[in-house]
Amino acid sequence: MRAAEIKLKYTQDSTLMKKEISIREKENQVLQLYQWLYMIVGGGFLLPAVVSVIVLYRKRLRDREQWRMQNAITSLRLENVRNRISPHFIFNVLNREMNLHKGEEESQNLIGLTKLIRRNLELTDCLAVSLADELEFVDTYVGLEKESLGKDFDYQLDLDCKIDLKVVKVPSMLLQIPVENAIKHGLRLKEGKRLLRIQIRLLLDNQVEIVVSDNGGGYRKVSVNHGTGTGMKVITQTIQLLNTYNSRPIQMKINNVLVGEEKEMGCEVRFVIPLNYSYQLKKN
């Protein structure tokens, strides 16, 4: 009976020990479950915070880059204004007008010069203008340059009648700079017929194509009339900045082509601009 009692007690102790071990295992499992639950909940709160920090950091970098680009463009525009409306050009026109005084018709050049300078300064800080305003500036500038280019100078403007020039927007100075470059670097010292042509037409895919071409010998890295190159930098950087805020970009190409009936070598600057292009510095 003593042995039976010892055996029974041993059995009871073993059973209790197994139950206690089982309870401890269950408690450990529950504890692990709670630990995973805390990690998941903590990760759920931490992940949005990390994402928010990354988004804010990238936005700050993007804003800083945008600010840098805008400052660079403004600086280049101001430098370009100083270079393209040079004192030499202004005083040449003024001296010519003061010496001539031949009547009302000639005095229009002086009025045109004043209008050109004023309008040029107004457009310096604008990212976009209407195509009508841009063409008006170009017409005024070409009108002032006609006399110095002589009778062999031919300015052609080919417009698609389906385009509303007051509605279509373009980057500021988009036409001014290629036209001035064509006259300064290509046509001014050319012998014989000088041709400057602007063609604007509506494409089938809701885009406007603008082509500025001349027969001044084509694009050359080294020009007789040395320039700073700030004009094309203004255009290029403005388009690059605006394209980052548009899914459909403005396209620009510069090529040497054969121009006119005589098929003379010339330079062609071509732009393709979507009609729904946004000039707001924010994502569409």
C-alpha atoms as a PDB file:
ATOM      1  CA  MET A   1       0.000   0.000   0.000  1.00  0.00           C
ATOM      2  CA  ARG A   2       2.923   2.343   0.701  1.00  0.00           C
ATOM      3  CA  ALA A   3       4.288   1.696  -2.741  1.00  0.00           C
ATOM      4  CA  ALA A   4       0.860   2.268  -4.248  1.00  0.00           C
ATOM      5  CA  GLU A   5       0.565   5.574  -2.392  1.00  0.00           C
ATOM      6  CA  ILE A   6       4.002   6.689  -3.600  1.00  0.00           C
ATOM      7  CA  LYS A   7       3.124   5.696  -7.166  1.00  0.00           C
ATOM      8  CA  LEU A   8      -0.207   7.589  -6.994  1.00  0.00           C
ATOM      9  CA  LYS A   9       1.494  10.676  -5.603  1.00  0.00           C
ATOM     10  CA  TYR A  10       4.154  10.495  -8.329  1.00  0.00           C
ATOM     11  CA  THR A  11       1.462  10.189 -10.972  1.00  0.00           C
ATOM     12  CA  GLN A  12      -0.405  13.171  -9.536  1.00  0.00           C
ATOM     13  CA  ASP A  13       2.783  15.266  -9.382  1.00  0.00           C
ATOM     14  CA  SER A  14       3.664  14.341 -12.968  1.00  0.00           C
ATOM     15  CA  THR A  15       0.187  15.291 -14.128  1.00  0.00           C
ATOM     16  CA  LEU A  16       0.355  18.625 -12.311  1.00  0.00           C
ATOM     17  CA  MET A  17       3.826  19.287 -13.736  1.00  0.00           C
ATOM     18  CA  LYS A  18       2.652  18.552 -17.274  1.00  0.00           C
ATOM     19  CA  LYS A  19      -0.329  20.880 -16.789  1.00  0.00           C
ATOM     20  CA  GLU A  20       1.955  23.606 -15.437  1.00  0.00           C
ATOM     21  CA  ILE A  21       4.350  23.178 -18.379  1.00  0.00           C
ATOM     22  CA  SER A  22       1.400  23.297 -20.790  1.00  0.00           C
ATOM     23  CA  ILE A  23       0.112  26.469 -19.113  1.00  0.00           C
ATOM     24  CA  ARG A  24       3.549  28.054 -19.334  1.00  0.00           C
ATOM     25  CA  GLU A  25       3.773  27.160 -23.033  1.00  0.00           C
ATOM     26  CA  LYS A  26       0.335  28.680 -23.665  1.00  0.00           C
ATOM     27  CA  GLU A  27       1.345  31.804 -21.776  1.00  0.00           C
ATOM     28  CA  ASN A  28       4.536  32.069 -23.885  1.00  0.00           C
ATOM     29  CA  GLN A  29       2.497  31.661 -27.065  1.00  0.00           C
ATOM     30  CA  VAL A  30       0.090  34.386 -25.942  1.00  0.00           C
ATOM     31  CA  LEU A  31       3.035  36.605 -25.021  1.00  0.00           C
ATOM     32  CA  GLN A  32       4.594  36.077 -28.464  1.00  0.00           C
ATOM     33  CA  LEU A  33       1.242  36.793 -30.067  1.00  0.00           C
ATOM     34  CA  TYR A  34       0.989  40.067 -28.129  1.00  0.00           C
ATOM     35  CA  GLN A  35       4.556  40.948 -29.132  1.00  0.00           C
ATOM     36  CA  TRP A  36       3.718  40.419 -32.827  1.00  0.00           C
ATOM     37  CA  LEU A  37       0.513  42.378 -32.374  1.00  0.00           C
ATOM     38  CA  TYR A  38       2.413  45.288 -30.785  1.00  0.00           C
ATOM     39  CA  MET A  39       4.970  45.181 -33.600  1.00  0.00           C
ATOM     40  CA  ILE A  40       2.253  45.205 -36.261  1.00  0.00           C
ATOM     41  CA  VAL A  41       0.359  48.050 -34.578  1.00  0.00           C
ATOM     42  CA  GLY A  42       3.590  49.981 -34.016  1.00  0.00           C
ATOM     43  CA  GLY A  43       4.616  49.400 -37.607  1.00  0.00           C
ATOM     44  CA  GLY A  44       1.186  50.569 -38.717  1.00  0.00           C
ATOM     45  CA  PHE A  45       1.765  53.878 -36.919  1.00  0.00           C
ATOM     46  CA  LEU A  46       5.449  54.123 -37.804  1.00  0.00           C
ATOM     47  CA  LEU A  47       5.116  53.402 -41.522  1.00  0.00           C
ATOM     48  CA  PRO A  48       2.853  56.401 -42.312  1.00  0.00           C
ATOM     49  CA  ALA A  49       5.182  58.605 -40.265  1.00  0.00           C
ATOM     50  CA  VAL A  50       8.218  57.394 -42.249  1.00  0.00           C
ATOM     51  CA  VAL A  51       6.337  57.804 -45.534  1.00  0.00           C
ATOM     52  CA  SER A  52       5.271  61.322 -44.514  1.00  0.00           C
ATOM     53  CA  VAL A  53       8.851  62.257 -43.685  1.00  0.00           C
ATOM     54  CA  ILE A  54      10.078  60.907 -47.044  1.00  0.00           C
ATOM     55  CA  VAL A  55       7.309  62.742 -48.934  1.00  0.00           C
ATOM     56  CA  LEU A  56       8.019  66.009 -47.131  1.00  0.00           C
ATOM     57  CA  TYR A  57      11.749  65.624 -47.727  1.00  0.00           C
ATOM     58  CA  ARG A  58      11.258  64.962 -51.451  1.00  0.00           C
ATOM     59  CA  LYS A  59       8.812  67.884 -51.689  1.00  0.00           C
ATOM     60  CA  ARG A  60      11.373  70.159 -50.044  1.00  0.00           C
ATOM     61  CA  LEU A  61      14.032  68.990 -52.496  1.00  0.00           C
ATOM     62  CA  ARG A  62      11.632  69.535 -55.402  1.00  0.00           C
ATOM     63  CA  ASP A  63      10.680  73.009 -54.151  1.00  0.00           C
ATOM     64  CA  ARG A  64      14.342  73.889 -53.680  1.00  0.00           C
ATOM     65  CA  GLU A  65      15.146  72.716 -57.229  1.00  0.00           C
ATOM     66  CA  GLN A  66      12.171  74.666 -58.586  1.00  0.00           C
ATOM     67  CA  TRP A  67      13.313  77.788 -56.734  1.00  0.00           C
ATOM     68  CA  ARG A  68      16.849  77.328 -58.088  1.00  0.00           C
ATOM     69  CA  MET A  69      15.578  76.866 -61.652  1.00  0.00           C
ATOM     70  CA  GLN A  70      13.294  79.907 -61.422  1.00  0.00           C
ATOM     71  CA  ASN A  71      16.137  82.055 -60.107  1.00  0.00           C
ATOM     72  CA  ALA A  72      18.412  80.799 -62.868  1.00  0.00           C
ATOM     73  CA  ILE A  73      15.787  81.529 -65.530  1.00  0.00           C
ATOM     74  CA  THR A  74      15.113  85.018 -64.150  1.00  0.00           C
ATOM     75  CA  SER A  75      18.829  85.755 -64.044  1.00  0.00           C
ATOM     76  CA  LEU A  76      19.303  84.498 -67.596  1.00  0.00           C
ATOM     77  CA  ARG A  77      16.315  86.516 -68.810  1.00  0.00           C
ATOM     78  CA  LEU A  78      17.632  89.718 -67.312  1.00  0.00           C
ATOM     79  CA  GLU A  79      21.072  89.034 -68.793  1.00  0.00           C
ATOM     80  CA  ASN A  80      19.436  88.228 -72.108  1.00  0.00           C
ATOM     81  CA  VAL A  81      17.497  91.515 -72.052  1.00  0.00           C
ATOM     82  CA  ARG A  82      20.733  93.411 -71.517  1.00  0.00           C
ATOM     83  CA  ASN A  83      22.435  91.561 -74.363  1.00  0.00           C
ATOM     84  CA  ARG A  84      19.706  91.595 -76.987  1.00  0.00           C
ATOM     85  CA  ILE A  85      18.543  95.183 -76.534  1.00  0.00           C
ATOM     86  CA  SER A  86      22.113  96.443 -76.411  1.00  0.00           C
ATOM     87  CA  PRO A  87      23.096 100.109 -75.984  1.00  0.00           C
ATOM     88  CA  HIS A  88      24.814  99.910 -79.376  1.00  0.00           C
ATOM     89  CA  PHE A  89      21.549  98.946 -81.063  1.00  0.00           C
ATOM     90  CA  ILE A  90      19.522 101.556 -79.166  1.00  0.00           C
ATOM     91  CA  PHE A  91      21.898 104.430 -79.905  1.00  0.00           C
ATOM     92  CA  ASN A  92      22.194 103.460 -83.573  1.00  0.00           C
ATOM     93  CA  VAL A  93      18.435 103.721 -83.980  1.00  0.00           C
ATOM     94  CA  LEU A  94      18.157 106.934 -81.967  1.00  0.00           C
ATOM     95  CA  ASN A  95      21.009 108.628 -83.856  1.00  0.00           C
ATOM     96  CA  ARG A  96      19.507 107.616 -87.172  1.00  0.00           C
ATOM     97  CA  GLU A  97      16.130 109.027 -86.222  1.00  0.00           C
ATOM     98  CA  MET A  98      17.565 112.275 -84.879  1.00  0.00           C
ATOM     99  CA  ASN A  99      19.623 112.785 -88.031  1.00  0.00           C
ATOM    100  CA  LEU A 100      16.842 112.017 -90.454  1.00  0.00           C
ATOM    101  CA  HIS A 101      13.743 113.867 -89.202  1.00  0.00           C
ATOM    102  CA  LYS A 102      12.089 113.287 -92.539  1.00  0.00           C
ATOM    103  CA  GLY A 103       8.536 113.192 -91.322  1.00  0.00           C
ATOM    104  CA  GLU A 104       5.929 111.152 -89.558  1.00  0.00           C
ATOM    105  CA  GLU A 105       6.741 107.867 -91.264  1.00  0.00           C
ATOM    106  CA  GLU A 106      10.355 107.785 -90.080  1.00  0.00           C
ATOM    107  CA  SER A 107       9.452 108.858 -86.561  1.00  0.00           C
ATOM    108  CA  GLN A 108       7.448 105.649 -86.216  1.00  0.00           C
ATOM    109  CA  ASN A 109      10.732 103.799 -85.768  1.00  0.00           C
ATOM    110  CA  LEU A 110      11.459 105.794 -82.631  1.00  0.00           C
ATOM    111  CA  ILE A 111       7.991 105.006 -81.330  1.00  0.00           C
ATOM    112  CA  GLY A 112       8.544 101.355 -82.201  1.00  0.00           C
ATOM    113  CA  LEU A 113      11.862 101.274 -80.356  1.00  0.00           C
ATOM    114  CA  THR A 114      10.265 102.728 -77.220  1.00  0.00           C
ATOM    115  CA  LYS A 115       7.456 100.195 -77.455  1.00  0.00           C
ATOM    116  CA  LEU A 116       9.963  97.389 -77.940  1.00  0.00           C
ATOM    117  CA  ILE A 117      11.990  98.278 -74.858  1.00  0.00           C
ATOM    118  CA  ARG A 118       8.930  98.720 -72.669  1.00  0.00           C
ATOM    119  CA  ARG A 119       7.331  95.469 -73.841  1.00  0.00           C
ATOM    120  CA  ASN A 120      10.598  93.594 -73.471  1.00  0.00           C
ATOM    121  CA  LEU A 121      10.883  94.592 -69.819  1.00  0.00           C
ATOM    122  CA  GLU A 122       7.236  93.700 -69.178  1.00  0.00           C
ATOM    123  CA  LEU A 123       7.717  90.179 -70.523  1.00  0.00           C
ATOM    124  CA  THR A 124      10.932  89.474 -68.632  1.00  0.00           C
ATOM    125  CA  ASP A 125       9.208  87.995 -65.549  1.00  0.00           C
ATOM    126  CA  CYS A 126       6.420  86.190 -67.425  1.00  0.00           C
ATOM    127  CA  LEU A 127       6.597  82.427 -67.883  1.00  0.00           C
ATOM    128  CA  ALA A 128       3.968  82.486 -70.639  1.00  0.00           C
ATOM    129  CA  VAL A 129       2.322  84.978 -73.009  1.00  0.00           C
ATOM    130  CA  SER A 130      -0.250  84.729 -75.747  1.00  0.00           C
ATOM    131  CA  LEU A 131       0.977  83.902 -79.227  1.00  0.00           C
ATOM    132  CA  ALA A 132      -0.509  87.214 -80.360  1.00  0.00           C
ATOM    133  CA  ASP A 133       1.666  89.178 -77.903  1.00  0.00           C
ATOM    134  CA  GLU A 134       4.766  87.228 -78.871  1.00  0.00           C
ATOM    135  CA  LEU A 135       4.179  87.871 -82.582  1.00  0.00           C
ATOM    136  CA  GLU A 136       3.500  91.561 -81.934  1.00  0.00           C
ATOM    137  CA  PHE A 137       6.887  91.901 -80.240  1.00  0.00           C
ATOM    138  CA  VAL A 138       8.599  90.063 -83.102  1.00  0.00           C
ATOM    139  CA  ASP A 139       6.872  92.245 -85.719  1.00  0.00           C
ATOM    140  CA  THR A 140       8.034  95.395 -83.900  1.00  0.00           C
ATOM    141  CA  TYR A 141      11.602  94.112 -83.653  1.00  0.00           C
ATOM    142  CA  VAL A 142      11.765  93.012 -87.301  1.00  0.00           C
ATOM    143  CA  GLY A 143      10.279  96.343 -88.376  1.00  0.00           C
ATOM    144  CA  LEU A 144      13.120  98.175 -86.629  1.00  0.00           C
ATOM    145  CA  GLU A 145      15.768  95.900 -88.148  1.00  0.00           C
ATOM    146  CA  LYS A 146      14.443  96.030 -91.722  1.00  0.00           C
ATOM    147  CA  GLU A 147      16.309  99.204 -92.649  1.00  0.00           C
ATOM    148  CA  SER A 148      19.685  97.854 -91.563  1.00  0.00           C
ATOM    149  CA  LEU A 149      19.074  94.583 -93.437  1.00  0.00           C
ATOM    150  CA  GLY A 150      18.351  96.330 -96.742  1.00  0.00           C
ATOM    151  CA  LYS A 151      15.865  95.806 -99.548  1.00  0.00           C
ATOM    152  CA  ASP A 152      16.888  92.189-100.058  1.00  0.00           C
ATOM    153  CA  PHE A 153      15.428  91.253 -96.680  1.00  0.00           C
ATOM    154  CA  ASP A 154      12.201  89.238 -96.876  1.00  0.00           C
ATOM    155  CA  TYR A 155      10.165  88.538 -93.747  1.00  0.00           C
ATOM    156  CA  GLN A 156       7.415  85.916 -94.175  1.00  0.00           C
ATOM    157  CA  LEU A 157       4.749  85.055 -91.602  1.00  0.00           C
ATOM    158  CA  ASP A 158       2.660  81.984 -92.417  1.00  0.00           C
ATOM    159  CA  LEU A 159      -0.262  81.558 -89.972  1.00  0.00           C
ATOM    160  CA  ASP A 160      -2.858  78.807 -89.816  1.00  0.00           C
ATOM    161  CA  CYS A 161      -6.255  80.527 -89.825  1.00  0.00           C
ATOM    162  CA  LYS A 162      -7.632  77.852 -87.461  1.00  0.00           C
ATOM    163  CA  ILE A 163      -5.418  79.075 -84.612  1.00  0.00           C
ATOM    164  CA  ASP A 164      -6.708  81.716 -82.189  1.00  0.00           C
ATOM    165  CA  LEU A 165      -3.524  83.675 -81.461  1.00  0.00           C
ATOM    166  CA  LYS A 166      -5.016  85.350 -78.379  1.00  0.00           C
ATOM    167  CA  VAL A 167      -5.905  82.014 -76.780  1.00  0.00           C
ATOM    168  CA  VAL A 168      -2.822  79.914 -77.524  1.00  0.00           C
ATOM    169  CA  LYS A 169      -0.118  80.404 -74.891  1.00  0.00           C
ATOM    170  CA  VAL A 170       3.614  79.983 -75.428  1.00  0.00           C
ATOM    171  CA  PRO A 171       6.651  80.398 -73.160  1.00  0.00           C
ATOM    172  CA  SER A 172       7.775  84.019 -73.023  1.00  0.00           C
ATOM    173  CA  MET A 173      10.508  84.874 -75.583  1.00  0.00           C
ATOM    174  CA  LEU A 174       9.902  81.621 -77.481  1.00  0.00           C
ATOM    175  CA  LEU A 175       9.899  83.407 -80.862  1.00  0.00           C
ATOM    176  CA  GLN A 176      11.856  86.524 -79.952  1.00  0.00           C
ATOM    177  CA  ILE A 177      15.106  84.735 -79.253  1.00  0.00           C
ATOM    178  CA  PRO A 178      15.259  82.523 -82.400  1.00  0.00           C
ATOM    179  CA  VAL A 179      14.290  85.533 -84.556  1.00  0.00           C
ATOM    180  CA  GLU A 180      16.967  87.742 -83.013  1.00  0.00           C
ATOM    181  CA  ASN A 181      19.544  84.968 -83.335  1.00  0.00           C
ATOM    182  CA  ALA A 182      18.621  84.497 -87.009  1.00  0.00           C
ATOM    183  CA  ILE A 183      19.096  88.211 -87.740  1.00  0.00           C
ATOM    184  CA  LYS A 184      22.186  88.719 -85.597  1.00  0.00           C
ATOM    185  CA  HIS A 185      24.120  85.539 -86.396  1.00  0.00           C
ATOM    186  CA  GLY A 186      22.777  84.565 -89.812  1.00  0.00           C
ATOM    187  CA  LEU A 187      21.309  87.393 -91.893  1.00  0.00           C
ATOM    188  CA  ARG A 188      23.041  90.614 -90.888  1.00  0.00           C
ATOM    189  CA  LEU A 189      26.310  89.944 -92.722  1.00  0.00           C
ATOM    190  CA  LYS A 190      24.853  87.744 -95.469  1.00  0.00           C
ATOM    191  CA  GLU A 191      25.217  88.802 -99.097  1.00  0.00           C
ATOM    192  CA  GLY A 192      22.215  88.682-101.412  1.00  0.00           C
ATOM    193  CA  LYS A 193      18.666  87.792-100.516  1.00  0.00           C
ATOM    194  CA  ARG A 194      17.941  87.434 -96.811  1.00  0.00           C
ATOM    195  CA  LEU A 195      14.947  85.343 -95.794  1.00  0.00           C
ATOM    196  CA  LEU A 196      13.321  85.069 -92.366  1.00  0.00           C
ATOM    197  CA  ARG A 197      10.236  82.898 -92.110  1.00  0.00           C
ATOM    198  CA  ILE A 198       7.861  82.044 -89.250  1.00  0.00           C
ATOM    199  CA  GLN A 199       5.365  79.234 -89.830  1.00  0.00           C
ATOM    200  CA  ILE A 200       2.622  78.410 -87.333  1.00  0.00           C
ATOM    201  CA  ARG A 201       0.166  75.600 -87.964  1.00  0.00           C
ATOM    202  CA  LEU A 202      -2.281  73.424 -86.064  1.00  0.00           C
ATOM    203  CA  LEU A 203      -1.438  69.694 -85.939  1.00  0.00           C
ATOM    204  CA  LEU A 204      -4.020  66.922 -85.890  1.00  0.00           C
ATOM    205  CA  ASP A 205      -3.152  65.793 -82.357  1.00  0.00           C
ATOM    206  CA  ASN A 206      -4.136  69.097 -80.667  1.00  0.00           C
ATOM    207  CA  GLN A 207      -0.682  70.574 -80.858  1.00  0.00           C
ATOM    208  CA  VAL A 208       0.701  73.736 -82.412  1.00  0.00           C
ATOM    209  CA  GLU A 209       3.871  73.622 -84.492  1.00  0.00           C
ATOM    210  CA  ILE A 210       5.998  76.780 -84.684  1.00  0.00           C
ATOM    211  CA  VAL A 211       8.984  76.958 -87.037  1.00  0.00           C
ATOM    212  CA  VAL A 212      11.470  79.837 -87.272  1.00  0.00           C
ATOM    213  CA  SER A 213      13.856  79.493 -90.225  1.00  0.00           C
ATOM    214  CA  ASP A 214      16.372  81.627 -92.127  1.00  0.00           C
ATOM    215  CA  ASN A 215      18.818  81.270 -95.000  1.00  0.00           C
ATOM    216  CA  GLY A 216      21.776  82.684 -93.089  1.00  0.00           C
ATOM    217  CA  GLY A 217      24.175  79.783 -93.559  1.00  0.00           C
ATOM    218  CA  GLY A 218      22.941  77.428 -90.854  1.00  0.00           C
ATOM    219  CA  TYR A 219      23.768  76.935 -87.217  1.00  0.00           C
ATOM    220  CA  ARG A 220      27.423  77.476 -86.340  1.00  0.00           C
ATOM    221  CA  LYS A 221      29.116  76.924 -82.988  1.00  0.00           C
ATOM    222  CA  VAL A 222      31.284  79.990 -83.641  1.00  0.00           C
ATOM    223  CA  SER A 223      29.444  83.023 -85.035  1.00  0.00           C
ATOM    224  CA  VAL A 224      30.929  86.164 -86.578  1.00  0.00           C
ATOM    225  CA  ASN A 225      28.782  88.178 -84.191  1.00  0.00           C
ATOM    226  CA  HIS A 226      29.829  86.542 -80.932  1.00  0.00           C
ATOM    227  CA  GLY A 227      27.039  86.142 -78.405  1.00  0.00           C
ATOM    228  CA  THR A 228      26.736  84.885 -74.847  1.00  0.00           C
ATOM    229  CA  GLY A 229      24.216  82.156 -75.686  1.00  0.00           C
ATOM    230  CA  THR A 230      21.947  83.216 -72.833  1.00  0.00           C
ATOM    231  CA  GLY A 231      18.950  83.467 -75.149  1.00  0.00           C
ATOM    232  CA  MET A 232      18.738  79.774 -75.955  1.00  0.00           C
ATOM    233  CA  LYS A 233      19.589  78.939 -72.334  1.00  0.00           C
ATOM    234  CA  VAL A 234      16.496  80.902 -71.286  1.00  0.00           C
ATOM    235  CA  ILE A 235      14.316  78.947 -73.723  1.00  0.00           C
ATOM    236  CA  THR A 236      15.830  75.562 -72.901  1.00  0.00           C
ATOM    237  CA  GLN A 237      15.660  75.930 -69.115  1.00  0.00           C
ATOM    238  CA  THR A 238      12.151  77.405 -69.188  1.00  0.00           C
ATOM    239  CA  ILE A 239      10.895  74.476 -71.268  1.00  0.00           C
ATOM    240  CA  GLN A 240      12.687  71.971 -69.025  1.00  0.00           C
ATOM    241  CA  LEU A 241      11.125  73.494 -65.915  1.00  0.00           C
ATOM    242  CA  LEU A 242       7.610  73.617 -67.384  1.00  0.00           C
ATOM    243  CA  ASN A 243       7.851  70.097 -68.845  1.00  0.00           C
ATOM    244  CA  THR A 244       8.306  68.654 -65.338  1.00  0.00           C
ATOM    245  CA  TYR A 245       4.768  69.855 -64.555  1.00  0.00           C
ATOM    246  CA  ASN A 246       3.158  68.490 -67.737  1.00  0.00           C
ATOM    247  CA  SER A 247       2.560  64.925 -68.879  1.00  0.00           C
ATOM    248  CA  ARG A 248       2.810  66.031 -72.514  1.00  0.00           C
ATOM    249  CA  PRO A 249       5.994  68.061 -73.046  1.00  0.00           C
ATOM    250  CA  ILE A 250       6.968  70.915 -75.347  1.00  0.00           C
ATOM    251  CA  GLN A 251       9.375  69.631 -77.979  1.00  0.00           C
ATOM    252  CA  MET A 252      12.224  71.726 -79.398  1.00  0.00           C
ATOM    253  CA  LYS A 253      14.616  70.901 -82.235  1.00  0.00           C
ATOM    254  CA  ILE A 254      17.328  72.931 -83.968  1.00  0.00           C
ATOM    255  CA  ASN A 255      18.442  71.766 -87.418  1.00  0.00           C
ATOM    256  CA  ASN A 256      20.312  73.005 -90.463  1.00  0.00           C
ATOM    257  CA  VAL A 257      17.987  72.906 -93.488  1.00  0.00           C
ATOM    258  CA  LEU A 258      17.780  74.133 -97.087  1.00  0.00           C
ATOM    259  CA  VAL A 259      15.570  77.234 -97.191  1.00  0.00           C
ATOM    260  CA  GLY A 260      13.881  79.211 -99.975  1.00  0.00           C
ATOM    261  CA  GLU A 261      13.673  78.728-103.707  1.00  0.00           C
ATOM    262  CA  GLU A 262      17.462  78.829-104.013  1.00  0.00           C
ATOM    263  CA  LYS A 263      17.761  76.048-101.404  1.00  0.00           C
ATOM    264  CA  GLU A 264      20.350  77.927 -99.386  1.00  0.00           C
ATOM    265  CA  MET A 265      21.660  76.504 -96.136  1.00  0.00           C
ATOM    266  CA  GLY A 266      19.874  77.905 -93.116  1.00  0.00           C
ATOM    267  CA  CYS A 267      18.903  77.248 -89.526  1.00  0.00           C
ATOM    268  CA  GLU A 268      15.498  75.994 -88.421  1.00  0.00           C
ATOM    269  CA  VAL A 269      14.178  76.122 -84.846  1.00  0.00           C
ATOM    270  CA  ARG A 270      11.069  73.990 -84.420  1.00  0.00           C
ATOM    271  CA  PHE A 271       8.681  73.899 -81.445  1.00  0.00           C
ATOM    272  CA  VAL A 272       5.695  71.595 -80.902  1.00  0.00           C
ATOM    273  CA  ILE A 273       3.381  72.805 -78.102  1.00  0.00           C
ATOM    274  CA  PRO A 274       0.286  70.937 -76.791  1.00  0.00           C
ATOM    275  CA  LEU A 275      -2.831  73.125 -76.751  1.00  0.00           C
ATOM    276  CA  ASN A 276      -3.694  72.040 -73.189  1.00  0.00           C
ATOM    277  CA  TYR A 277      -0.192  72.784 -71.897  1.00  0.00           C
ATOM    278  CA  SER A 278      -0.148  74.168 -68.348  1.00  0.00           C
ATOM    279  CA  TYR A 279       2.099  77.043 -67.319  1.00  0.00           C
ATOM    280  CA  GLN A 280       1.289  76.622 -63.625  1.00  0.00           C
ATOM    281  CA  LEU A 281       4.164  75.316 -61.535  1.00  0.00           C
ATOM    282  CA  LYS A 282       2.193  72.424 -60.083  1.00  0.00           C
ATOM    283  CA  LYS A 283       1.436  68.884 -61.157  1.00  0.00           C
ATOM    284  CA  ASN A 284      -1.618  68.323 -63.333  1.00  0.00           C
END
